[in-house]
């Protein structure tokens, strides 16, 4: 599942985190939004697809609920494994 917009969003934030560290900020960690697609708290919809893992569920609550790893899952896994060197 292609989600390059998610990769770009995360990359931009992680680059800023790295720059903050270089500027002397004592940054002890970074947490992105939930790793799995979740229901929007404000609208009860699934259309925003925040996570690295796709959930087969529609806004109507129907679907197989099968989970599939998105492209961003593998990208972020590599970022973690390389301690950010692969950004």
PDB file of N, CA and C in Angstrom:
ATOM      1  N   UNK A   1       0.859  -1.175   0.000  1.00  0.00           N
ATOM      2  CA  UNK A   1       0.000   0.000   0.000  1.00  0.00           C
ATOM      3  C   UNK A   1       0.901   1.232   0.000  1.00  0.00           C
ATOM      4  N   UNK A   2       0.783   2.014  -1.043  1.00  0.00           N
ATOM      5  CA  UNK A   2       1.605   3.207  -1.213  1.00  0.00           C
ATOM      6  C   UNK A   2       1.072   4.337  -0.328  1.00  0.00           C
ATOM      7  N   UNK A   3       1.915   4.893   0.490  1.00  0.00           N
ATOM      8  CA  UNK A   3       1.537   6.055   1.316  1.00  0.00           C
ATOM      9  C   UNK A   3       2.730   6.997   1.453  1.00  0.00           C
ATOM     10  N   UNK A   4       3.223   7.423   0.303  1.00  0.00           N
ATOM     11  CA  UNK A   4       4.381   8.323   0.290  1.00  0.00           C
ATOM     12  C   UNK A   4       4.131   9.621   1.050  1.00  0.00           C
ATOM     13  N   UNK A   5       2.883  10.082   1.085  1.00  0.00           N
ATOM     14  CA  UNK A   5       2.569  11.294   1.854  1.00  0.00           C
ATOM     15  C   UNK A   5       2.898  11.094   3.332  1.00  0.00           C
ATOM     16  N   UNK A   6       2.687   9.901   3.853  1.00  0.00           N
ATOM     17  CA  UNK A   6       2.998   9.598   5.257  1.00  0.00           C
ATOM     18  C   UNK A   6       4.505   9.581   5.454  1.00  0.00           C
ATOM     19  N   UNK A   7       5.224   8.981   4.534  1.00  0.00           N
ATOM     20  CA  UNK A   7       6.684   8.941   4.617  1.00  0.00           C
ATOM     21  C   UNK A   7       7.248  10.356   4.588  1.00  0.00           C
ATOM     22  N   UNK A   8       6.771  11.177   3.687  1.00  0.00           N
ATOM     23  CA  UNK A   8       7.249  12.568   3.599  1.00  0.00           C
ATOM     24  C   UNK A   8       6.965  13.326   4.881  1.00  0.00           C
ATOM     25  N   UNK A   9       5.776  13.139   5.433  1.00  0.00           N
ATOM     26  CA  UNK A   9       5.384  13.807   6.678  1.00  0.00           C
ATOM     27  C   UNK A   9       6.334  13.395   7.809  1.00  0.00           C
ATOM     28  N   UNK A  10       6.554  12.106   7.959  1.00  0.00           N
ATOM     29  CA  UNK A  10       7.424  11.615   9.030  1.00  0.00           C
ATOM     30  C   UNK A  10       8.869  12.061   8.817  1.00  0.00           C
ATOM     31  N   UNK A  11       9.341  11.959   7.573  1.00  0.00           N
ATOM     32  CA  UNK A  11      10.716  12.360   7.277  1.00  0.00           C
ATOM     33  C   UNK A  11      10.940  13.828   7.656  1.00  0.00           C
ATOM     34  N   UNK A  12      10.002  14.689   7.269  1.00  0.00           N
ATOM     35  CA  UNK A  12      10.131  16.111   7.595  1.00  0.00           C
ATOM     36  C   UNK A  12      10.235  16.333   9.100  1.00  0.00           C
ATOM     37  N   UNK A  13       9.417  15.634   9.868  1.00  0.00           N
ATOM     38  CA  UNK A  13       9.458  15.797  11.325  1.00  0.00           C
ATOM     39  C   UNK A  13      10.749  15.253  11.924  1.00  0.00           C
ATOM     40  N   UNK A  14      11.214  14.127  11.412  1.00  0.00           N
ATOM     41  CA  UNK A  14      12.440  13.551  11.950  1.00  0.00           C
ATOM     42  C   UNK A  14      13.663  14.392  11.591  1.00  0.00           C
ATOM     43  N   UNK A  15      13.658  14.997  10.436  1.00  0.00           N
ATOM     44  CA  UNK A  15      14.754  15.908  10.072  1.00  0.00           C
ATOM     45  C   UNK A  15      14.773  17.100  11.019  1.00  0.00           C
ATOM     46  N   UNK A  16      13.606  17.635  11.335  1.00  0.00           N
ATOM     47  CA  UNK A  16      13.532  18.755  12.290  1.00  0.00           C
ATOM     48  C   UNK A  16      13.989  18.318  13.681  1.00  0.00           C
ATOM     49  N   UNK A  17      13.653  17.089  14.072  1.00  0.00           N
ATOM     50  CA  UNK A  17      14.102  16.581  15.373  1.00  0.00           C
ATOM     51  C   UNK A  17      15.628  16.482  15.399  1.00  0.00           C
ATOM     52  N   UNK A  18      16.209  15.998  14.315  1.00  0.00           N
ATOM     53  CA  UNK A  18      17.672  15.901  14.230  1.00  0.00           C
ATOM     54  C   UNK A  18      18.314  17.284  14.320  1.00  0.00           C
ATOM     55  N   UNK A  19      17.740  18.253  13.623  1.00  0.00           N
ATOM     56  CA  UNK A  19      18.272  19.616  13.674  1.00  0.00           C
ATOM     57  C   UNK A  19      18.161  20.208  15.078  1.00  0.00           C
ATOM     58  N   UNK A  20      17.076  19.891  15.769  1.00  0.00           N
ATOM     59  CA  UNK A  20      16.918  20.376  17.146  1.00  0.00           C
ATOM     60  C   UNK A  20      18.007  19.797  18.043  1.00  0.00           C
ATOM     61  N   UNK A  21      18.309  18.515  17.860  1.00  0.00           N
ATOM     62  CA  UNK A  21      19.379  17.881  18.643  1.00  0.00           C
ATOM     63  C   UNK A  21      20.713  18.563  18.341  1.00  0.00           C
ATOM     64  N   UNK A  22      20.964  18.814  17.061  1.00  0.00           N
ATOM     65  CA  UNK A  22      22.204  19.490  16.677  1.00  0.00           C
ATOM     66  C   UNK A  22      22.291  20.892  17.262  1.00  0.00           C
ATOM     67  N   UNK A  23      21.139  21.519  17.505  1.00  0.00           N
ATOM     68  CA  UNK A  23      21.086  22.855  18.109  1.00  0.00           C
ATOM     69  C   UNK A  23      21.156  22.814  19.632  1.00  0.00           C
ATOM     70  N   UNK A  24      21.248  21.604  20.201  1.00  0.00           N
ATOM     71  CA  UNK A  24      21.416  21.484  21.642  1.00  0.00           C
ATOM     72  C   UNK A  24      20.175  21.072  22.420  1.00  0.00           C
ATOM     73  N   UNK A  25      19.082  20.795  21.758  1.00  0.00           N
ATOM     74  CA  UNK A  25      17.873  20.348  22.452  1.00  0.00           C
ATOM     75  C   UNK A  25      18.097  18.937  22.994  1.00  0.00           C
ATOM     76  N   UNK A  26      17.746  18.709  24.235  1.00  0.00           N
ATOM     77  CA  UNK A  26      17.882  17.394  24.868  1.00  0.00           C
ATOM     78  C   UNK A  26      16.645  16.553  24.526  1.00  0.00           C
ATOM     79  N   UNK A  27      16.570  16.121  23.292  1.00  0.00           N
ATOM     80  CA  UNK A  27      15.429  15.340  22.814  1.00  0.00           C
ATOM     81  C   UNK A  27      15.655  13.885  23.172  1.00  0.00           C
ATOM     82  N   UNK A  28      14.749  13.324  23.951  1.00  0.00           N
ATOM     83  CA  UNK A  28      14.955  11.939  24.404  1.00  0.00           C
ATOM     84  C   UNK A  28      14.139  10.918  23.615  1.00  0.00           C
ATOM     85  N   UNK A  29      13.288  11.369  22.709  1.00  0.00           N
ATOM     86  CA  UNK A  29      12.527  10.408  21.920  1.00  0.00           C
ATOM     87  C   UNK A  29      11.575  11.090  20.959  1.00  0.00           C
ATOM     88  N   UNK A  30      11.025  10.291  20.083  1.00  0.00           N
ATOM     89  CA  UNK A  30      10.036  10.768  19.118  1.00  0.00           C
ATOM     90  C   UNK A  30       8.967   9.699  18.992  1.00  0.00           C
ATOM     91  N   UNK A  31       7.733  10.115  19.083  1.00  0.00           N
ATOM     92  CA  UNK A  31       6.615   9.190  18.903  1.00  0.00           C
ATOM     93  C   UNK A  31       5.703   9.741  17.823  1.00  0.00           C
ATOM     94  N   UNK A  32       5.491   8.933  16.809  1.00  0.00           N
ATOM     95  CA  UNK A  32       4.546   9.344  15.777  1.00  0.00           C
ATOM     96  C   UNK A  32       3.142   8.945  16.230  1.00  0.00           C
ATOM     97  N   UNK A  33       2.171   9.324  15.427  1.00  0.00           N
ATOM     98  CA  UNK A  33       0.787   8.949  15.729  1.00  0.00           C
ATOM     99  C   UNK A  33       0.693   7.432  15.752  1.00  0.00           C
ATOM    100  N   UNK A  34      -0.452   6.882  16.111  1.00  0.00           N
ATOM    101  CA  UNK A  34      -0.616   5.438  16.223  1.00  0.00           C
ATOM    102  C   UNK A  34      -0.116   4.659  15.021  1.00  0.00           C
ATOM    103  N   UNK A  35       0.476   3.495  15.251  1.00  0.00           N
ATOM    104  CA  UNK A  35       1.034   2.715  14.152  1.00  0.00           C
ATOM    105  C   UNK A  35      -0.019   2.028  13.267  1.00  0.00           C
ATOM    106  N   UNK A  36      -1.237   1.947  13.742  1.00  0.00           N
ATOM    107  CA  UNK A  36      -2.277   1.261  12.995  1.00  0.00           C
ATOM    108  C   UNK A  36      -3.398   2.246  12.662  1.00  0.00           C
ATOM    109  N   UNK A  37      -4.002   2.086  11.483  1.00  0.00           N
ATOM    110  CA  UNK A  37      -5.137   2.939  11.136  1.00  0.00           C
ATOM    111  C   UNK A  37      -6.183   2.838  12.233  1.00  0.00           C
ATOM    112  N   UNK A  38      -6.724   3.982  12.621  1.00  0.00           N
ATOM    113  CA  UNK A  38      -7.693   3.990  13.705  1.00  0.00           C
ATOM    114  C   UNK A  38      -8.857   4.901  13.383  1.00  0.00           C
ATOM    115  N   UNK A  39      -9.905   4.731  14.114  1.00  0.00           N
ATOM    116  CA  UNK A  39     -11.110   5.533  13.913  1.00  0.00           C
ATOM    117  C   UNK A  39     -10.855   6.934  14.449  1.00  0.00           C
ATOM    118  N   UNK A  40     -11.206   7.940  13.655  1.00  0.00           N
ATOM    119  CA  UNK A  40     -11.058   9.326  14.078  1.00  0.00           C
ATOM    120  C   UNK A  40     -11.961   9.594  15.279  1.00  0.00           C
ATOM    121  N   UNK A  41     -11.395  10.142  16.322  1.00  0.00           N
ATOM    122  CA  UNK A  41     -12.167  10.413  17.533  1.00  0.00           C
ATOM    123  C   UNK A  41     -13.258  11.456  17.295  1.00  0.00           C
ATOM    124  N   UNK A  42     -13.008  12.385  16.395  1.00  0.00           N
ATOM    125  CA  UNK A  42     -13.970  13.468  16.186  1.00  0.00           C
ATOM    126  C   UNK A  42     -15.077  13.120  15.197  1.00  0.00           C
ATOM    127  N   UNK A  43     -14.781  12.218  14.241  1.00  0.00           N
ATOM    128  CA  UNK A  43     -15.771  11.933  13.195  1.00  0.00           C
ATOM    129  C   UNK A  43     -16.197  10.472  13.120  1.00  0.00           C
ATOM    130  N   UNK A  44     -15.523   9.599  13.836  1.00  0.00           N
ATOM    131  CA  UNK A  44     -15.769   8.148  13.801  1.00  0.00           C
ATOM    132  C   UNK A  44     -15.565   7.577  12.400  1.00  0.00           C
ATOM    133  N   UNK A  45     -14.697   8.210  11.612  1.00  0.00           N
ATOM    134  CA  UNK A  45     -14.418   7.756  10.257  1.00  0.00           C
ATOM    135  C   UNK A  45     -13.017   7.157  10.161  1.00  0.00           C
ATOM    136  N   UNK A  46     -12.808   6.365   9.135  1.00  0.00           N
ATOM    137  CA  UNK A  46     -11.512   5.740   8.882  1.00  0.00           C
ATOM    138  C   UNK A  46     -10.760   6.397   7.733  1.00  0.00           C
ATOM    139  N   UNK A  47     -11.333   7.392   7.095  1.00  0.00           N
ATOM    140  CA  UNK A  47     -10.778   7.895   5.836  1.00  0.00           C
ATOM    141  C   UNK A  47      -9.414   8.564   5.941  1.00  0.00           C
ATOM    142  N   UNK A  48      -8.984   8.993   7.115  1.00  0.00           N
ATOM    143  CA  UNK A  48      -7.707   9.701   7.220  1.00  0.00           C
ATOM    144  C   UNK A  48      -6.507   8.760   7.206  1.00  0.00           C
ATOM    145  N   UNK A  49      -6.627   7.552   7.641  1.00  0.00           N
ATOM    146  CA  UNK A  49      -5.575   6.529   7.543  1.00  0.00           C
ATOM    147  C   UNK A  49      -4.233   6.988   8.089  1.00  0.00           C
ATOM    148  N   UNK A  50      -4.163   7.177   9.391  1.00  0.00           N
ATOM    149  CA  UNK A  50      -2.960   7.711  10.035  1.00  0.00           C
ATOM    150  C   UNK A  50      -1.797   6.723  10.130  1.00  0.00           C
ATOM    151  N   UNK A  51      -2.048   5.448  10.195  1.00  0.00           N
ATOM    152  CA  UNK A  51      -1.018   4.494  10.589  1.00  0.00           C
ATOM    153  C   UNK A  51      -0.132   3.955   9.494  1.00  0.00           C
ATOM    154  N   UNK A  52       0.822   3.122   9.909  1.00  0.00           N
ATOM    155  CA  UNK A  52       1.714   2.408   9.006  1.00  0.00           C
ATOM    156  C   UNK A  52       1.093   1.081   8.597  1.00  0.00           C
ATOM    157  N   UNK A  53       0.057   0.698   9.304  1.00  0.00           N
ATOM    158  CA  UNK A  53      -0.609  -0.569   9.053  1.00  0.00           C
ATOM    159  C   UNK A  53      -2.053  -0.282   8.658  1.00  0.00           C
ATOM    160  N   UNK A  54      -2.420  -0.737   7.473  1.00  0.00           N
ATOM    161  CA  UNK A  54      -3.756  -0.529   6.929  1.00  0.00           C
ATOM    162  C   UNK A  54      -4.729  -1.509   7.582  1.00  0.00           C
ATOM    163  N   UNK A  55      -5.912  -1.017   7.922  1.00  0.00           N
ATOM    164  CA  UNK A  55      -6.978  -1.872   8.441  1.00  0.00           C
ATOM    165  C   UNK A  55      -8.126  -1.817   7.448  1.00  0.00           C
ATOM    166  N   UNK A  56      -8.543  -3.000   6.986  1.00  0.00           N
ATOM    167  CA  UNK A  56      -9.650  -3.065   6.034  1.00  0.00           C
ATOM    168  C   UNK A  56     -10.970  -2.848   6.783  1.00  0.00           C
ATOM    169  N   UNK A  57     -11.295  -1.578   6.911  1.00  0.00           N
ATOM    170  CA  UNK A  57     -12.541  -1.168   7.566  1.00  0.00           C
ATOM    171  C   UNK A  57     -12.963   0.142   6.926  1.00  0.00           C
ATOM    172  N   UNK A  58     -14.215   0.232   6.549  1.00  0.00           N
ATOM    173  CA  UNK A  58     -14.717   1.452   5.949  1.00  0.00           C
ATOM    174  C   UNK A  58     -15.355   2.368   6.969  1.00  0.00           C
ATOM    175  N   UNK A  59     -15.753   3.545   6.520  1.00  0.00           N
ATOM    176  CA  UNK A  59     -16.417   4.502   7.406  1.00  0.00           C
ATOM    177  C   UNK A  59     -17.732   3.955   7.956  1.00  0.00           C
ATOM    178  N   UNK A  60     -18.308   2.985   7.244  1.00  0.00           N
ATOM    179  CA  UNK A  60     -19.571   2.385   7.692  1.00  0.00           C
ATOM    180  C   UNK A  60     -19.356   1.283   8.723  1.00  0.00           C
ATOM    181  N   UNK A  61     -18.101   1.008   9.077  1.00  0.00           N
ATOM    182  CA  UNK A  61     -17.792  -0.008  10.072  1.00  0.00           C
ATOM    183  C   UNK A  61     -17.657  -1.401   9.504  1.00  0.00           C
ATOM    184  N   UNK A  62     -17.834  -1.534   8.206  1.00  0.00           N
ATOM    185  CA  UNK A  62     -17.762  -2.852   7.580  1.00  0.00           C
ATOM    186  C   UNK A  62     -16.397  -3.080   6.958  1.00  0.00           C
ATOM    187  N   UNK A  63     -16.048  -4.335   6.825  1.00  0.00           N
ATOM    188  CA  UNK A  63     -14.781  -4.724   6.223  1.00  0.00           C
ATOM    189  C   UNK A  63     -14.326  -6.036   6.810  1.00  0.00           C
ATOM    190  N   UNK A  64     -13.203  -6.516   6.329  1.00  0.00           N
ATOM    191  CA  UNK A  64     -12.666  -7.785   6.833  1.00  0.00           C
ATOM    192  C   UNK A  64     -11.819  -7.573   8.088  1.00  0.00           C
ATOM    193  N   UNK A  65     -11.420  -6.347   8.359  1.00  0.00           N
ATOM    194  CA  UNK A  65     -10.540  -5.970   9.465  1.00  0.00           C
ATOM    195  C   UNK A  65      -9.133  -6.564   9.306  1.00  0.00           C
ATOM    196  N   UNK A  66      -8.842  -7.050   8.100  1.00  0.00           N
ATOM    197  CA  UNK A  66      -7.506  -7.546   7.796  1.00  0.00           C
ATOM    198  C   UNK A  66      -6.513  -6.388   7.905  1.00  0.00           C
ATOM    199  N   UNK A  67      -5.319  -6.696   8.364  1.00  0.00           N
ATOM    200  CA  UNK A  67      -4.262  -5.694   8.479  1.00  0.00           C
ATOM    201  C   UNK A  67      -3.191  -5.947   7.427  1.00  0.00           C
ATOM    202  N   UNK A  68      -2.687  -4.878   6.822  1.00  0.00           N
ATOM    203  CA  UNK A  68      -1.621  -4.971   5.829  1.00  0.00           C
ATOM    204  C   UNK A  68      -0.600  -3.877   6.102  1.00  0.00           C
ATOM    205  N   UNK A  69       0.657  -4.236   6.049  1.00  0.00           N
ATOM    206  CA  UNK A  69       1.723  -3.259   6.257  1.00  0.00           C
ATOM    207  C   UNK A  69       1.823  -2.357   5.030  1.00  0.00           C
ATOM    208  N   UNK A  70       1.886  -1.055   5.280  1.00  0.00           N
ATOM    209  CA  UNK A  70       2.023  -0.076   4.214  1.00  0.00           C
ATOM    210  C   UNK A  70       3.506   0.151   3.904  1.00  0.00           C
ATOM    211  N   UNK A  71       3.769   0.848   2.819  1.00  0.00           N
ATOM    212  CA  UNK A  71       5.134   1.204   2.455  1.00  0.00           C
ATOM    213  C   UNK A  71       5.830   1.941   3.599  1.00  0.00           C
ATOM    214  N   UNK A  72       5.099   2.810   4.289  1.00  0.00           N
ATOM    215  CA  UNK A  72       5.683   3.579   5.400  1.00  0.00           C
ATOM    216  C   UNK A  72       6.129   2.681   6.555  1.00  0.00           C
ATOM    217  N   UNK A  73       5.493   1.530   6.722  1.00  0.00           N
ATOM    218  CA  UNK A  73       5.889   0.584   7.768  1.00  0.00           C
ATOM    219  C   UNK A  73       7.341   0.162   7.552  1.00  0.00           C
ATOM    220  N   UNK A  74       7.635  -0.263   6.320  1.00  0.00           N
ATOM    221  CA  UNK A  74       8.977  -0.735   6.005  1.00  0.00           C
ATOM    222  C   UNK A  74       9.989   0.409   6.025  1.00  0.00           C
ATOM    223  N   UNK A  75       9.566   1.595   5.582  1.00  0.00           N
ATOM    224  CA  UNK A  75      10.441   2.753   5.614  1.00  0.00           C
ATOM    225  C   UNK A  75      10.810   3.109   7.058  1.00  0.00           C
ATOM    226  N   UNK A  76       9.804   3.180   7.930  1.00  0.00           N
ATOM    227  CA  UNK A  76      10.051   3.566   9.320  1.00  0.00           C
ATOM    228  C   UNK A  76      10.855   2.494  10.050  1.00  0.00           C
ATOM    229  N   UNK A  77      10.620   1.248   9.724  1.00  0.00           N
ATOM    230  CA  UNK A  77      11.402   0.155  10.302  1.00  0.00           C
ATOM    231  C   UNK A  77      12.881   0.339   9.974  1.00  0.00           C
ATOM    232  N   UNK A  78      13.169   0.729   8.734  1.00  0.00           N
ATOM    233  CA  UNK A  78      14.549   0.967   8.319  1.00  0.00           C
ATOM    234  C   UNK A  78      15.133   2.197   9.007  1.00  0.00           C
ATOM    235  N   UNK A  79      14.340   3.236   9.172  1.00  0.00           N
ATOM    236  CA  UNK A  79      14.805   4.435   9.877  1.00  0.00           C
ATOM    237  C   UNK A  79      15.208   4.068  11.309  1.00  0.00           C
ATOM    238  N   UNK A  80      14.397   3.266  11.972  1.00  0.00           N
ATOM    239  CA  UNK A  80      14.698   2.851  13.340  1.00  0.00           C
ATOM    240  C   UNK A  80      15.964   1.995  13.371  1.00  0.00           C
ATOM    241  N   UNK A  81      16.061   1.030  12.441  1.00  0.00           N
ATOM    242  CA  UNK A  81      17.199   0.124  12.409  1.00  0.00           C
ATOM    243  C   UNK A  81      18.518   0.848  12.148  1.00  0.00           C
ATOM    244  N   UNK A  82      18.460   1.957  11.413  1.00  0.00           N
ATOM    245  CA  UNK A  82      19.674   2.712  11.092  1.00  0.00           C
ATOM    246  C   UNK A  82      19.864   3.933  11.993  1.00  0.00           C
ATOM    247  N   UNK A  83      19.031   4.051  13.015  1.00  0.00           N
ATOM    248  CA  UNK A  83      19.089   5.171  13.937  1.00  0.00           C
ATOM    249  C   UNK A  83      19.014   6.510  13.201  1.00  0.00           C
ATOM    250  N   UNK A  84      18.160   6.534  12.165  1.00  0.00           N
ATOM    251  CA  UNK A  84      17.928   7.759  11.430  1.00  0.00           C
ATOM    252  C   UNK A  84      18.881   8.038  10.281  1.00  0.00           C
ATOM    253  N   UNK A  85      19.873   7.198  10.087  1.00  0.00           N
ATOM    254  CA  UNK A  85      20.833   7.428   8.996  1.00  0.00           C
ATOM    255  C   UNK A  85      20.192   7.285   7.628  1.00  0.00           C
ATOM    256  N   UNK A  86      19.094   6.532   7.515  1.00  0.00           N
ATOM    257  CA  UNK A  86      18.466   6.273   6.214  1.00  0.00           C
ATOM    258  C   UNK A  86      17.433   7.321   5.835  1.00  0.00           C
ATOM    259  N   UNK A  87      17.328   8.405   6.618  1.00  0.00           N
ATOM    260  CA  UNK A  87      16.373   9.442   6.283  1.00  0.00           C
ATOM    261  C   UNK A  87      16.642   9.989   4.898  1.00  0.00           C
TER     262      UNK A  87
END
